[in-house]
Amino acid sequence: MILPEHARYCLQHSNKLMNLNRLTQQIEILREQMAEVAFEKGFTSSESIAKSQELDKLLNLYETKRKI
């Protein structure tokens, strides 16, 4: 099925927003998990640092996808 240019753009934009929304949810969940670990085990614990690094990756991915 061939879509008109405007319809194709709208579909791509809609998919991008859905992906960004999903990514935002993942970021919020991980942020909460990181805070819990930090308060329970300390901000410099290996688990806290691992959660922080994972969060950094998601935030970088979000910024990259947002600019596309």
C-alpha atoms as a PDB file:
ATOM      1  CA  MET A   1       0.000   0.000   0.000  1.00  0.00           C
ATOM      2  CA  ILE A   2       1.422   3.343  -1.041  1.00  0.00           C
ATOM      3  CA  LEU A   3       0.610   6.219   1.292  1.00  0.00           C
ATOM      4  CA  PRO A   4       0.497   9.862   0.290  1.00  0.00           C
ATOM      5  CA  GLU A   5       3.521  11.800   1.541  1.00  0.00           C
ATOM      6  CA  HIS A   6       1.574  13.611   4.289  1.00  0.00           C
ATOM      7  CA  ALA A   7       0.031  10.382   5.593  1.00  0.00           C
ATOM      8  CA  ARG A   8       3.442   8.711   5.641  1.00  0.00           C
ATOM      9  CA  TYR A   9       4.886  11.648   7.604  1.00  0.00           C
ATOM     10  CA  CYS A  10       2.014  11.513  10.124  1.00  0.00           C
ATOM     11  CA  LEU A  11       2.471   7.779  10.592  1.00  0.00           C
ATOM     12  CA  GLN A  12       6.210   8.134  11.132  1.00  0.00           C
ATOM     13  CA  HIS A  13       5.666  11.015  13.570  1.00  0.00           C
ATOM     14  CA  SER A  14       3.060   8.989  15.467  1.00  0.00           C
ATOM     15  CA  ASN A  15       5.428   6.003  15.722  1.00  0.00           C
ATOM     16  CA  LYS A  16       8.213   8.285  16.937  1.00  0.00           C
ATOM     17  CA  LEU A  17       5.966   9.713  19.669  1.00  0.00           C
ATOM     18  CA  MET A  18       4.891   6.234  20.782  1.00  0.00           C
ATOM     19  CA  ASN A  19       8.529   5.125  20.973  1.00  0.00           C
ATOM     20  CA  LEU A  20       9.490   8.262  22.921  1.00  0.00           C
ATOM     21  CA  ASN A  21       6.580   7.736  25.310  1.00  0.00           C
ATOM     22  CA  ARG A  22       7.630   4.131  25.906  1.00  0.00           C
ATOM     23  CA  LEU A  23      11.217   5.230  26.458  1.00  0.00           C
ATOM     24  CA  THR A  24      10.068   7.958  28.870  1.00  0.00           C
ATOM     25  CA  GLN A  25       8.187   5.347  30.906  1.00  0.00           C
ATOM     26  CA  GLN A  26      11.284   3.139  31.049  1.00  0.00           C
ATOM     27  CA  ILE A  27      13.361   6.123  32.176  1.00  0.00           C
ATOM     28  CA  GLU A  28      10.927   6.961  34.981  1.00  0.00           C
ATOM     29  CA  ILE A  29      10.830   3.351  36.206  1.00  0.00           C
ATOM     30  CA  LEU A  30      14.614   3.097  36.194  1.00  0.00           C
ATOM     31  CA  ARG A  31      14.937   6.478  37.928  1.00  0.00           C
ATOM     32  CA  GLU A  32      12.689   5.228  40.748  1.00  0.00           C
ATOM     33  CA  GLN A  33      14.647   1.975  41.003  1.00  0.00           C
ATOM     34  CA  MET A  34      17.931   3.867  41.124  1.00  0.00           C
ATOM     35  CA  ALA A  35      16.676   6.116  43.932  1.00  0.00           C
ATOM     36  CA  GLU A  36      15.485   3.113  45.959  1.00  0.00           C
ATOM     37  CA  VAL A  37      18.827   1.343  45.587  1.00  0.00           C
ATOM     38  CA  ALA A  38      20.757   4.520  46.406  1.00  0.00           C
ATOM     39  CA  PHE A  39      18.816   5.119  49.621  1.00  0.00           C
ATOM     40  CA  GLU A  40      19.013   1.471  50.684  1.00  0.00           C
ATOM     41  CA  LYS A  41      22.612   0.650  49.734  1.00  0.00           C
ATOM     42  CA  GLY A  42      24.258   4.044  49.371  1.00  0.00           C
ATOM     43  CA  PHE A  43      24.776   6.400  46.490  1.00  0.00           C
ATOM     44  CA  THR A  44      28.218   5.005  45.703  1.00  0.00           C
ATOM     45  CA  SER A  45      27.281   1.320  45.895  1.00  0.00           C
ATOM     46  CA  SER A  46      28.042  -0.757  42.814  1.00  0.00           C
ATOM     47  CA  GLU A  47      24.308  -1.342  42.290  1.00  0.00           C
ATOM     48  CA  SER A  48      23.560   2.391  42.413  1.00  0.00           C
ATOM     49  CA  ILE A  49      26.330   3.109  39.948  1.00  0.00           C
ATOM     50  CA  ALA A  50      25.111   0.352  37.605  1.00  0.00           C
ATOM     51  CA  LYS A  51      21.540   1.751  37.701  1.00  0.00           C
ATOM     52  CA  SER A  52      22.895   5.246  37.086  1.00  0.00           C
ATOM     53  CA  GLN A  53      24.898   4.074  34.069  1.00  0.00           C
ATOM     54  CA  GLU A  54      21.882   2.239  32.677  1.00  0.00           C
ATOM     55  CA  LEU A  55      19.803   5.383  33.159  1.00  0.00           C
ATOM     56  CA  ASP A  56      22.460   7.450  31.376  1.00  0.00           C
ATOM     57  CA  LYS A  57      22.231   5.119  28.372  1.00  0.00           C
ATOM     58  CA  LEU A  58      18.443   5.471  28.231  1.00  0.00           C
ATOM     59  CA  LEU A  59      18.651   9.253  28.550  1.00  0.00           C
ATOM     60  CA  ASN A  60      21.219   9.422  25.743  1.00  0.00           C
ATOM     61  CA  LEU A  61      19.019   7.195  23.587  1.00  0.00           C
ATOM     62  CA  TYR A  62      16.031   9.440  24.318  1.00  0.00           C
ATOM     63  CA  GLU A  63      17.963  12.549  23.260  1.00  0.00           C
ATOM     64  CA  THR A  64      19.142  10.859  20.083  1.00  0.00           C
ATOM     65  CA  LYS A  65      15.646   9.696  19.122  1.00  0.00           C
ATOM     66  CA  ARG A  66      14.106  13.066  20.002  1.00  0.00           C
ATOM     67  CA  LYS A  67      16.373  14.847  17.523  1.00  0.00           C
ATOM     68  CA  ILE A  68      15.585  12.521  14.609  1.00  0.00           C
END
